[in-house]
């Protein structure tokens, strides 16, 4: 059985897959940021949800990338994890 890393490397050989993966990269990074902030505080999804006055299932959807947080939610996430929200725009290489 292949590992996730092996499967991803294999799929990334396809130009179509790679293009779609790159298009979705910001959403993946956002989900990873949420997970990292929560785990750095030693919180479960349920504990983070309680701090944000929301449901564990909503936190799970945020962390899966199925839901994108609003700026208000982003601020609540930061407050609940003892972090500071930051939003940036970076130049795209070759443009």
PDB file of N, CA and C in Angstrom:
ATOM      1  N   UNK A   1       0.841  -1.176   0.000  1.00  0.00           N
ATOM      2  CA  UNK A   1       0.000   0.000   0.000  1.00  0.00           C
ATOM      3  C   UNK A   1       0.893   1.248   0.000  1.00  0.00           C
ATOM      4  N   UNK A   2       0.542   2.211  -0.819  1.00  0.00           N
ATOM      5  CA  UNK A   2       1.302   3.452  -0.921  1.00  0.00           C
ATOM      6  C   UNK A   2       0.989   4.377   0.248  1.00  0.00           C
ATOM      7  N   UNK A   3       1.980   5.145   0.637  1.00  0.00           N
ATOM      8  CA  UNK A   3       1.757   6.177   1.639  1.00  0.00           C
ATOM      9  C   UNK A   3       1.145   7.389   0.935  1.00  0.00           C
ATOM     10  N   UNK A   4       0.617   8.310   1.741  1.00  0.00           N
ATOM     11  CA  UNK A   4       0.064   9.544   1.169  1.00  0.00           C
ATOM     12  C   UNK A   4       1.141  10.297   0.405  1.00  0.00           C
ATOM     13  N   UNK A   5       2.340  10.359   0.980  1.00  0.00           N
ATOM     14  CA  UNK A   5       3.446  11.081   0.352  1.00  0.00           C
ATOM     15  C   UNK A   5       3.793  10.472  -1.014  1.00  0.00           C
ATOM     16  N   UNK A   6       3.818   9.148  -1.087  1.00  0.00           N
ATOM     17  CA  UNK A   6       4.112   8.470  -2.354  1.00  0.00           C
ATOM     18  C   UNK A   6       3.015   8.728  -3.382  1.00  0.00           C
ATOM     19  N   UNK A   7       1.770   8.630  -2.954  1.00  0.00           N
ATOM     20  CA  UNK A   7       0.649   8.864  -3.852  1.00  0.00           C
ATOM     21  C   UNK A   7       0.654  10.301  -4.369  1.00  0.00           C
ATOM     22  N   UNK A   8       0.908  11.248  -3.477  1.00  0.00           N
ATOM     23  CA  UNK A   8       0.947  12.655  -3.890  1.00  0.00           C
ATOM     24  C   UNK A   8       2.057  12.883  -4.906  1.00  0.00           C
ATOM     25  N   UNK A   9       3.240  12.323  -4.650  1.00  0.00           N
ATOM     26  CA  UNK A   9       4.359  12.486  -5.591  1.00  0.00           C
ATOM     27  C   UNK A   9       4.006  11.915  -6.961  1.00  0.00           C
ATOM     28  N   UNK A  10       3.330  10.780  -6.961  1.00  0.00           N
ATOM     29  CA  UNK A  10       2.917  10.159  -8.219  1.00  0.00           C
ATOM     30  C   UNK A  10       1.899  11.035  -8.945  1.00  0.00           C
ATOM     31  N   UNK A  11       0.906  11.526  -8.223  1.00  0.00           N
ATOM     32  CA  UNK A  11      -0.125  12.358  -8.833  1.00  0.00           C
ATOM     33  C   UNK A  11       0.426  13.689  -9.333  1.00  0.00           C
ATOM     34  N   UNK A  12       1.428  14.220  -8.652  1.00  0.00           N
ATOM     35  CA  UNK A  12       2.002  15.515  -9.043  1.00  0.00           C
ATOM     36  C   UNK A  12       2.709  15.441 -10.392  1.00  0.00           C
ATOM     37  N   UNK A  13       2.920  14.235 -10.911  1.00  0.00           N
ATOM     38  CA  UNK A  13       3.523  14.086 -12.237  1.00  0.00           C
ATOM     39  C   UNK A  13       2.562  14.516 -13.339  1.00  0.00           C
ATOM     40  N   UNK A  14       1.275  14.516 -13.033  1.00  0.00           N
ATOM     41  CA  UNK A  14       0.264  14.917 -14.009  1.00  0.00           C
ATOM     42  C   UNK A  14       0.159  16.442 -14.034  1.00  0.00           C
ATOM     43  N   UNK A  15       0.335  17.059 -15.201  1.00  0.00           N
ATOM     44  CA  UNK A  15       0.225  18.523 -15.290  1.00  0.00           C
ATOM     45  C   UNK A  15      -1.144  19.046 -14.838  1.00  0.00           C
ATOM     46  N   UNK A  16      -2.206  18.304 -15.151  1.00  0.00           N
ATOM     47  CA  UNK A  16      -3.550  18.733 -14.759  1.00  0.00           C
ATOM     48  C   UNK A  16      -3.706  18.692 -13.238  1.00  0.00           C
ATOM     49  N   UNK A  17      -3.234  17.616 -12.640  1.00  0.00           N
ATOM     50  CA  UNK A  17      -3.313  17.491 -11.187  1.00  0.00           C
ATOM     51  C   UNK A  17      -2.483  18.585 -10.527  1.00  0.00           C
ATOM     52  N   UNK A  18      -1.254  18.773 -10.995  1.00  0.00           N
ATOM     53  CA  UNK A  18      -0.360  19.780 -10.417  1.00  0.00           C
ATOM     54  C   UNK A  18      -0.984  21.178 -10.505  1.00  0.00           C
ATOM     55  N   UNK A  19      -1.597  21.505 -11.624  1.00  0.00           N
ATOM     56  CA  UNK A  19      -2.226  22.827 -11.800  1.00  0.00           C
ATOM     57  C   UNK A  19      -3.364  23.016 -10.797  1.00  0.00           C
ATOM     58  N   UNK A  20      -4.192  21.987 -10.627  1.00  0.00           N
ATOM     59  CA  UNK A  20      -5.309  22.085  -9.679  1.00  0.00           C
ATOM     60  C   UNK A  20      -4.792  22.163  -8.253  1.00  0.00           C
ATOM     61  N   UNK A  21      -3.764  21.395  -7.950  1.00  0.00           N
ATOM     62  CA  UNK A  21      -3.166  21.419  -6.609  1.00  0.00           C
ATOM     63  C   UNK A  21      -2.626  22.821  -6.305  1.00  0.00           C
ATOM     64  N   UNK A  22      -1.943  23.407  -7.259  1.00  0.00           N
ATOM     65  CA  UNK A  22      -1.393  24.756  -7.068  1.00  0.00           C
ATOM     66  C   UNK A  22      -2.510  25.787  -6.928  1.00  0.00           C
ATOM     67  N   UNK A  23      -3.597  25.602  -7.661  1.00  0.00           N
ATOM     68  CA  UNK A  23      -4.724  26.528  -7.558  1.00  0.00           C
ATOM     69  C   UNK A  23      -5.331  26.496  -6.157  1.00  0.00           C
ATOM     70  N   UNK A  24      -5.344  25.319  -5.545  1.00  0.00           N
ATOM     71  CA  UNK A  24      -5.935  25.162  -4.217  1.00  0.00           C
ATOM     72  C   UNK A  24      -4.930  25.348  -3.066  1.00  0.00           C
ATOM     73  N   UNK A  25      -3.665  25.549  -3.390  1.00  0.00           N
ATOM     74  CA  UNK A  25      -2.630  25.665  -2.361  1.00  0.00           C
ATOM     75  C   UNK A  25      -2.978  26.658  -1.244  1.00  0.00           C
ATOM     76  N   UNK A  26      -3.499  27.865  -1.538  1.00  0.00           N
ATOM     77  CA  UNK A  26      -3.828  28.794  -0.451  1.00  0.00           C
ATOM     78  C   UNK A  26      -4.840  28.219   0.541  1.00  0.00           C
ATOM     79  N   UNK A  27      -5.797  27.444   0.045  1.00  0.00           N
ATOM     80  CA  UNK A  27      -6.784  26.840   0.940  1.00  0.00           C
ATOM     81  C   UNK A  27      -6.141  25.764   1.808  1.00  0.00           C
ATOM     82  N   UNK A  28      -5.236  24.975   1.231  1.00  0.00           N
ATOM     83  CA  UNK A  28      -4.519  23.961   2.009  1.00  0.00           C
ATOM     84  C   UNK A  28      -3.680  24.638   3.099  1.00  0.00           C
ATOM     85  N   UNK A  29      -3.011  25.716   2.734  1.00  0.00           N
ATOM     86  CA  UNK A  29      -2.156  26.422   3.692  1.00  0.00           C
ATOM     87  C   UNK A  29      -2.986  27.031   4.825  1.00  0.00           C
ATOM     88  N   UNK A  30      -4.149  27.533   4.493  1.00  0.00           N
ATOM     89  CA  UNK A  30      -5.034  28.103   5.505  1.00  0.00           C
ATOM     90  C   UNK A  30      -5.457  27.022   6.508  1.00  0.00           C
ATOM     91  N   UNK A  31      -5.865  25.868   5.991  1.00  0.00           N
ATOM     92  CA  UNK A  31      -6.259  24.759   6.865  1.00  0.00           C
ATOM     93  C   UNK A  31      -5.076  24.319   7.740  1.00  0.00           C
ATOM     94  N   UNK A  32      -3.881  24.230   7.158  1.00  0.00           N
ATOM     95  CA  UNK A  32      -2.688  23.841   7.924  1.00  0.00           C
ATOM     96  C   UNK A  32      -2.382  24.858   9.018  1.00  0.00           C
ATOM     97  N   UNK A  33      -2.592  26.134   8.733  1.00  0.00           N
ATOM     98  CA  UNK A  33      -2.354  27.188   9.720  1.00  0.00           C
ATOM     99  C   UNK A  33      -3.305  27.045  10.906  1.00  0.00           C
ATOM    100  N   UNK A  34      -4.556  26.754  10.618  1.00  0.00           N
ATOM    101  CA  UNK A  34      -5.554  26.574  11.688  1.00  0.00           C
ATOM    102  C   UNK A  34      -5.184  25.382  12.556  1.00  0.00           C
ATOM    103  N   UNK A  35      -4.831  24.274  11.931  1.00  0.00           N
ATOM    104  CA  UNK A  35      -4.446  23.069  12.680  1.00  0.00           C
ATOM    105  C   UNK A  35      -3.214  23.343  13.528  1.00  0.00           C
ATOM    106  N   UNK A  36      -2.222  24.017  12.961  1.00  0.00           N
ATOM    107  CA  UNK A  36      -0.986  24.303  13.698  1.00  0.00           C
ATOM    108  C   UNK A  36      -1.256  25.195  14.903  1.00  0.00           C
ATOM    109  N   UNK A  37      -2.101  26.210  14.750  1.00  0.00           N
ATOM    110  CA  UNK A  37      -2.409  27.108  15.871  1.00  0.00           C
ATOM    111  C   UNK A  37      -3.129  26.356  16.987  1.00  0.00           C
ATOM    112  N   UNK A  38      -4.057  25.495  16.599  1.00  0.00           N
ATOM    113  CA  UNK A  38      -4.808  24.723  17.595  1.00  0.00           C
ATOM    114  C   UNK A  38      -3.895  23.750  18.331  1.00  0.00           C
ATOM    115  N   UNK A  39      -3.091  23.006  17.593  1.00  0.00           N
ATOM    116  CA  UNK A  39      -2.242  22.000  18.235  1.00  0.00           C
ATOM    117  C   UNK A  39      -1.121  22.632  19.048  1.00  0.00           C
ATOM    118  N   UNK A  40      -0.651  23.811  18.645  1.00  0.00           N
ATOM    119  CA  UNK A  40       0.385  24.501  19.420  1.00  0.00           C
ATOM    120  C   UNK A  40      -0.117  24.854  20.812  1.00  0.00           C
ATOM    121  N   UNK A  41      -1.423  25.064  20.935  1.00  0.00           N
ATOM    122  CA  UNK A  41      -2.028  25.370  22.229  1.00  0.00           C
ATOM    123  C   UNK A  41      -2.473  24.105  22.968  1.00  0.00           C
ATOM    124  N   UNK A  42      -2.274  22.940  22.330  1.00  0.00           N
ATOM    125  CA  UNK A  42      -2.672  21.684  22.944  1.00  0.00           C
ATOM    126  C   UNK A  42      -4.175  21.508  23.029  1.00  0.00           C
ATOM    127  N   UNK A  43      -4.892  22.113  22.090  1.00  0.00           N
ATOM    128  CA  UNK A  43      -6.357  22.073  22.108  1.00  0.00           C
ATOM    129  C   UNK A  43      -6.898  20.992  21.183  1.00  0.00           C
ATOM    130  N   UNK A  44      -7.978  20.387  21.597  1.00  0.00           N
ATOM    131  CA  UNK A  44      -8.735  19.518  20.698  1.00  0.00           C
ATOM    132  C   UNK A  44      -9.650  20.408  19.863  1.00  0.00           C
ATOM    133  N   UNK A  45     -10.238  19.829  18.842  1.00  0.00           N
ATOM    134  CA  UNK A  45     -11.215  20.590  18.061  1.00  0.00           C
ATOM    135  C   UNK A  45     -12.375  21.038  18.943  1.00  0.00           C
ATOM    136  N   UNK A  46     -12.811  20.179  19.839  1.00  0.00           N
ATOM    137  CA  UNK A  46     -13.930  20.514  20.728  1.00  0.00           C
ATOM    138  C   UNK A  46     -13.564  21.666  21.664  1.00  0.00           C
ATOM    139  N   UNK A  47     -12.336  21.666  22.170  1.00  0.00           N
ATOM    140  CA  UNK A  47     -11.914  22.745  23.069  1.00  0.00           C
ATOM    141  C   UNK A  47     -11.815  24.069  22.323  1.00  0.00           C
ATOM    142  N   UNK A  48     -11.280  24.030  21.104  1.00  0.00           N
ATOM    143  CA  UNK A  48     -11.214  25.251  20.299  1.00  0.00           C
ATOM    144  C   UNK A  48     -12.615  25.753  19.994  1.00  0.00           C
ATOM    145  N   UNK A  49     -13.504  24.838  19.649  1.00  0.00           N
ATOM    146  CA  UNK A  49     -14.892  25.217  19.364  1.00  0.00           C
ATOM    147  C   UNK A  49     -15.531  25.895  20.568  1.00  0.00           C
ATOM    148  N   UNK A  50     -15.301  25.356  21.760  1.00  0.00           N
ATOM    149  CA  UNK A  50     -15.876  25.956  22.970  1.00  0.00           C
ATOM    150  C   UNK A  50     -15.339  27.369  23.172  1.00  0.00           C
ATOM    151  N   UNK A  51     -14.044  27.561  22.937  1.00  0.00           N
ATOM    152  CA  UNK A  51     -13.456  28.909  23.087  1.00  0.00           C
ATOM    153  C   UNK A  51     -14.036  29.890  22.073  1.00  0.00           C
ATOM    154  N   UNK A  52     -14.437  29.376  20.913  1.00  0.00           N
ATOM    155  CA  UNK A  52     -14.973  30.233  19.858  1.00  0.00           C
ATOM    156  C   UNK A  52     -16.496  30.288  19.868  1.00  0.00           C
ATOM    157  N   UNK A  53     -17.120  29.561  20.790  1.00  0.00           N
ATOM    158  CA  UNK A  53     -18.577  29.495  20.874  1.00  0.00           C
ATOM    159  C   UNK A  53     -19.185  28.999  19.561  1.00  0.00           C
ATOM    160  N   UNK A  54     -18.616  27.894  19.082  1.00  0.00           N
ATOM    161  CA  UNK A  54     -19.104  27.273  17.854  1.00  0.00           C
ATOM    162  C   UNK A  54     -19.083  25.766  18.052  1.00  0.00           C
ATOM    163  N   UNK A  55     -19.295  25.008  17.002  1.00  0.00           N
ATOM    164  CA  UNK A  55     -19.346  23.549  17.130  1.00  0.00           C
ATOM    165  C   UNK A  55     -18.027  22.905  16.692  1.00  0.00           C
ATOM    166  N   UNK A  56     -17.784  21.719  17.209  1.00  0.00           N
ATOM    167  CA  UNK A  56     -16.601  20.947  16.817  1.00  0.00           C
ATOM    168  C   UNK A  56     -16.670  20.619  15.330  1.00  0.00           C
ATOM    169  N   UNK A  57     -17.861  20.358  14.828  1.00  0.00           N
ATOM    170  CA  UNK A  57     -17.981  20.011  13.409  1.00  0.00           C
ATOM    171  C   UNK A  57     -17.589  21.192  12.513  1.00  0.00           C
ATOM    172  N   UNK A  58     -17.844  22.418  12.957  1.00  0.00           N
ATOM    173  CA  UNK A  58     -17.423  23.589  12.184  1.00  0.00           C
ATOM    174  C   UNK A  58     -15.899  23.688  12.154  1.00  0.00           C
ATOM    175  N   UNK A  59     -15.255  23.428  13.290  1.00  0.00           N
ATOM    176  CA  UNK A  59     -13.793  23.433  13.336  1.00  0.00           C
ATOM    177  C   UNK A  59     -13.246  22.356  12.403  1.00  0.00           C
ATOM    178  N   UNK A  60     -13.862  21.185  12.405  1.00  0.00           N
ATOM    179  CA  UNK A  60     -13.437  20.100  11.508  1.00  0.00           C
ATOM    180  C   UNK A  60     -13.560  20.523  10.046  1.00  0.00           C
ATOM    181  N   UNK A  61     -14.633  21.224   9.699  1.00  0.00           N
ATOM    182  CA  UNK A  61     -14.803  21.694   8.315  1.00  0.00           C
ATOM    183  C   UNK A  61     -13.752  22.737   7.958  1.00  0.00           C
ATOM    184  N   UNK A  62     -13.422  23.630   8.894  1.00  0.00           N
ATOM    185  CA  UNK A  62     -12.355  24.610   8.655  1.00  0.00           C
ATOM    186  C   UNK A  62     -11.025  23.907   8.412  1.00  0.00           C
ATOM    187  N   UNK A  63     -10.734  22.911   9.258  1.00  0.00           N
ATOM    188  CA  UNK A  63      -9.448  22.218   9.172  1.00  0.00           C
ATOM    189  C   UNK A  63      -9.352  21.304   7.951  1.00  0.00           C
ATOM    190  N   UNK A  64     -10.476  20.911   7.403  1.00  0.00           N
ATOM    191  CA  UNK A  64     -10.459  20.065   6.210  1.00  0.00           C
ATOM    192  C   UNK A  64     -10.367  20.908   4.940  1.00  0.00           C
ATOM    193  N   UNK A  65     -10.617  22.204   5.067  1.00  0.00           N
ATOM    194  CA  UNK A  65     -10.608  23.078   3.907  1.00  0.00           C
ATOM    195  C   UNK A  65     -11.945  23.143   3.193  1.00  0.00           C
ATOM    196  N   UNK A  66     -12.962  22.464   3.726  1.00  0.00           N
ATOM    197  CA  UNK A  66     -14.287  22.494   3.093  1.00  0.00           C
ATOM    198  C   UNK A  66     -14.979  23.823   3.298  1.00  0.00           C
ATOM    199  N   UNK A  67     -14.566  24.572   4.333  1.00  0.00           N
ATOM    200  CA  UNK A  67     -15.147  25.873   4.641  1.00  0.00           C
ATOM    201  C   UNK A  67     -13.999  26.868   4.780  1.00  0.00           C
ATOM    202  N   UNK A  68     -14.146  28.028   4.173  1.00  0.00           N
ATOM    203  CA  UNK A  68     -13.140  29.086   4.325  1.00  0.00           C
ATOM    204  C   UNK A  68     -13.626  30.064   5.386  1.00  0.00           C
ATOM    205  N   UNK A  69     -12.744  30.449   6.313  1.00  0.00           N
ATOM    206  CA  UNK A  69     -13.172  31.357   7.376  1.00  0.00           C
ATOM    207  C   UNK A  69     -13.351  32.783   6.876  1.00  0.00           C
ATOM    208  N   UNK A  70     -14.338  33.463   7.437  1.00  0.00           N
ATOM    209  CA  UNK A  70     -14.487  34.894   7.190  1.00  0.00           C
ATOM    210  C   UNK A  70     -13.411  35.618   8.004  1.00  0.00           C
ATOM    211  N   UNK A  71     -13.266  36.904   7.777  1.00  0.00           N
ATOM    212  CA  UNK A  71     -12.299  37.679   8.572  1.00  0.00           C
ATOM    213  C   UNK A  71     -12.697  37.667  10.045  1.00  0.00           C
ATOM    214  N   UNK A  72     -13.982  37.725  10.321  1.00  0.00           N
ATOM    215  CA  UNK A  72     -14.453  37.676  11.713  1.00  0.00           C
ATOM    216  C   UNK A  72     -14.067  36.343  12.350  1.00  0.00           C
ATOM    217  N   UNK A  73     -14.278  35.251  11.643  1.00  0.00           N
ATOM    218  CA  UNK A  73     -13.894  33.937  12.164  1.00  0.00           C
ATOM    219  C   UNK A  73     -12.383  33.856  12.340  1.00  0.00           C
ATOM    220  N   UNK A  74     -11.629  34.400  11.391  1.00  0.00           N
ATOM    221  CA  UNK A  74     -10.166  34.401  11.478  1.00  0.00           C
ATOM    222  C   UNK A  74      -9.717  35.124  12.759  1.00  0.00           C
ATOM    223  N   UNK A  75     -10.373  36.235  13.085  1.00  0.00           N
ATOM    224  CA  UNK A  75     -10.050  36.977  14.309  1.00  0.00           C
ATOM    225  C   UNK A  75     -10.424  36.170  15.551  1.00  0.00           C
ATOM    226  N   UNK A  76     -11.555  35.489  15.510  1.00  0.00           N
ATOM    227  CA  UNK A  76     -11.964  34.649  16.644  1.00  0.00           C
ATOM    228  C   UNK A  76     -11.011  33.478  16.825  1.00  0.00           C
ATOM    229  N   UNK A  77     -10.545  32.893  15.723  1.00  0.00           N
ATOM    230  CA  UNK A  77      -9.555  31.814  15.791  1.00  0.00           C
ATOM    231  C   UNK A  77      -8.274  32.307  16.456  1.00  0.00           C
ATOM    232  N   UNK A  78      -7.831  33.479  16.054  1.00  0.00           N
ATOM    233  CA  UNK A  78      -6.611  34.044  16.635  1.00  0.00           C
ATOM    234  C   UNK A  78      -6.783  34.268  18.134  1.00  0.00           C
ATOM    235  N   UNK A  79      -7.888  34.859  18.520  1.00  0.00           N
ATOM    236  CA  UNK A  79      -8.122  35.115  19.945  1.00  0.00           C
ATOM    237  C   UNK A  79      -8.191  33.809  20.734  1.00  0.00           C
ATOM    238  N   UNK A  80      -8.811  32.799  20.163  1.00  0.00           N
ATOM    239  CA  UNK A  80      -8.983  31.517  20.859  1.00  0.00           C
ATOM    240  C   UNK A  80      -7.684  30.732  20.965  1.00  0.00           C
ATOM    241  N   UNK A  81      -6.730  31.020  20.092  1.00  0.00           N
ATOM    242  CA  UNK A  81      -5.455  30.295  20.105  1.00  0.00           C
ATOM    243  C   UNK A  81      -4.288  31.156  20.590  1.00  0.00           C
ATOM    244  N   UNK A  82      -4.581  32.356  21.059  1.00  0.00           N
ATOM    245  CA  UNK A  82      -3.517  33.219  21.575  1.00  0.00           C
ATOM    246  C   UNK A  82      -2.546  33.662  20.497  1.00  0.00           C
ATOM    247  N   UNK A  83      -3.064  33.858  19.304  1.00  0.00           N
ATOM    248  CA  UNK A  83      -2.228  34.295  18.188  1.00  0.00           C
ATOM    249  C   UNK A  83      -2.742  35.627  17.645  1.00  0.00           C
ATOM    250  N   UNK A  84      -2.014  36.178  16.695  1.00  0.00           N
ATOM    251  CA  UNK A  84      -2.394  37.434  16.058  1.00  0.00           C
ATOM    252  C   UNK A  84      -2.702  37.142  14.597  1.00  0.00           C
ATOM    253  N   UNK A  85      -3.869  37.561  14.116  1.00  0.00           N
ATOM    254  CA  UNK A  85      -4.173  37.296  12.706  1.00  0.00           C
ATOM    255  C   UNK A  85      -3.315  38.165  11.794  1.00  0.00           C
ATOM    256  N   UNK A  86      -2.934  37.593  10.657  1.00  0.00           N
ATOM    257  CA  UNK A  86      -2.139  38.337   9.681  1.00  0.00           C
ATOM    258  C   UNK A  86      -2.556  37.881   8.291  1.00  0.00           C
ATOM    259  N   UNK A  87      -2.786  38.833   7.425  1.00  0.00           N
ATOM    260  CA  UNK A  87      -3.159  38.542   6.051  1.00  0.00           C
ATOM    261  C   UNK A  87      -2.162  39.266   5.157  1.00  0.00           C
ATOM    262  N   UNK A  88      -1.636  38.553   4.169  1.00  0.00           N
ATOM    263  CA  UNK A  88      -0.673  39.178   3.260  1.00  0.00           C
ATOM    264  C   UNK A  88      -1.019  38.839   1.815  1.00  0.00           C
ATOM    265  N   UNK A  89      -0.537  39.662   0.930  1.00  0.00           N
ATOM    266  CA  UNK A  89      -0.586  39.388  -0.500  1.00  0.00           C
ATOM    267  C   UNK A  89       0.863  39.405  -0.986  1.00  0.00           C
ATOM    268  N   UNK A  90       1.250  38.352  -1.680  1.00  0.00           N
ATOM    269  CA  UNK A  90       2.625  38.247  -2.153  1.00  0.00           C
ATOM    270  C   UNK A  90       2.644  38.260  -3.668  1.00  0.00           C
ATOM    271  N   UNK A  91       3.692  38.849  -4.250  1.00  0.00           N
ATOM    272  CA  UNK A  91       3.781  38.840  -5.707  1.00  0.00           C
ATOM    273  C   UNK A  91       3.941  37.416  -6.235  1.00  0.00           C
ATOM    274  N   UNK A  92       3.383  37.182  -7.402  1.00  0.00           N
ATOM    275  CA  UNK A  92       3.504  35.889  -8.052  1.00  0.00           C
ATOM    276  C   UNK A  92       4.758  35.904  -8.904  1.00  0.00           C
ATOM    277  N   UNK A  93       5.557  34.873  -8.809  1.00  0.00           N
ATOM    278  CA  UNK A  93       6.794  34.793  -9.602  1.00  0.00           C
ATOM    279  C   UNK A  93       6.455  34.864 -11.078  1.00  0.00           C
ATOM    280  N   UNK A  94       7.224  35.644 -11.813  1.00  0.00           N
ATOM    281  CA  UNK A  94       7.027  35.744 -13.257  1.00  0.00           C
ATOM    282  C   UNK A  94       5.981  36.754 -13.682  1.00  0.00           C
ATOM    283  N   UNK A  95       5.449  37.502 -12.741  1.00  0.00           N
ATOM    284  CA  UNK A  95       4.447  38.517 -13.109  1.00  0.00           C
ATOM    285  C   UNK A  95       4.940  39.882 -12.758  1.00  0.00           C
TER     286      UNK A  95
END
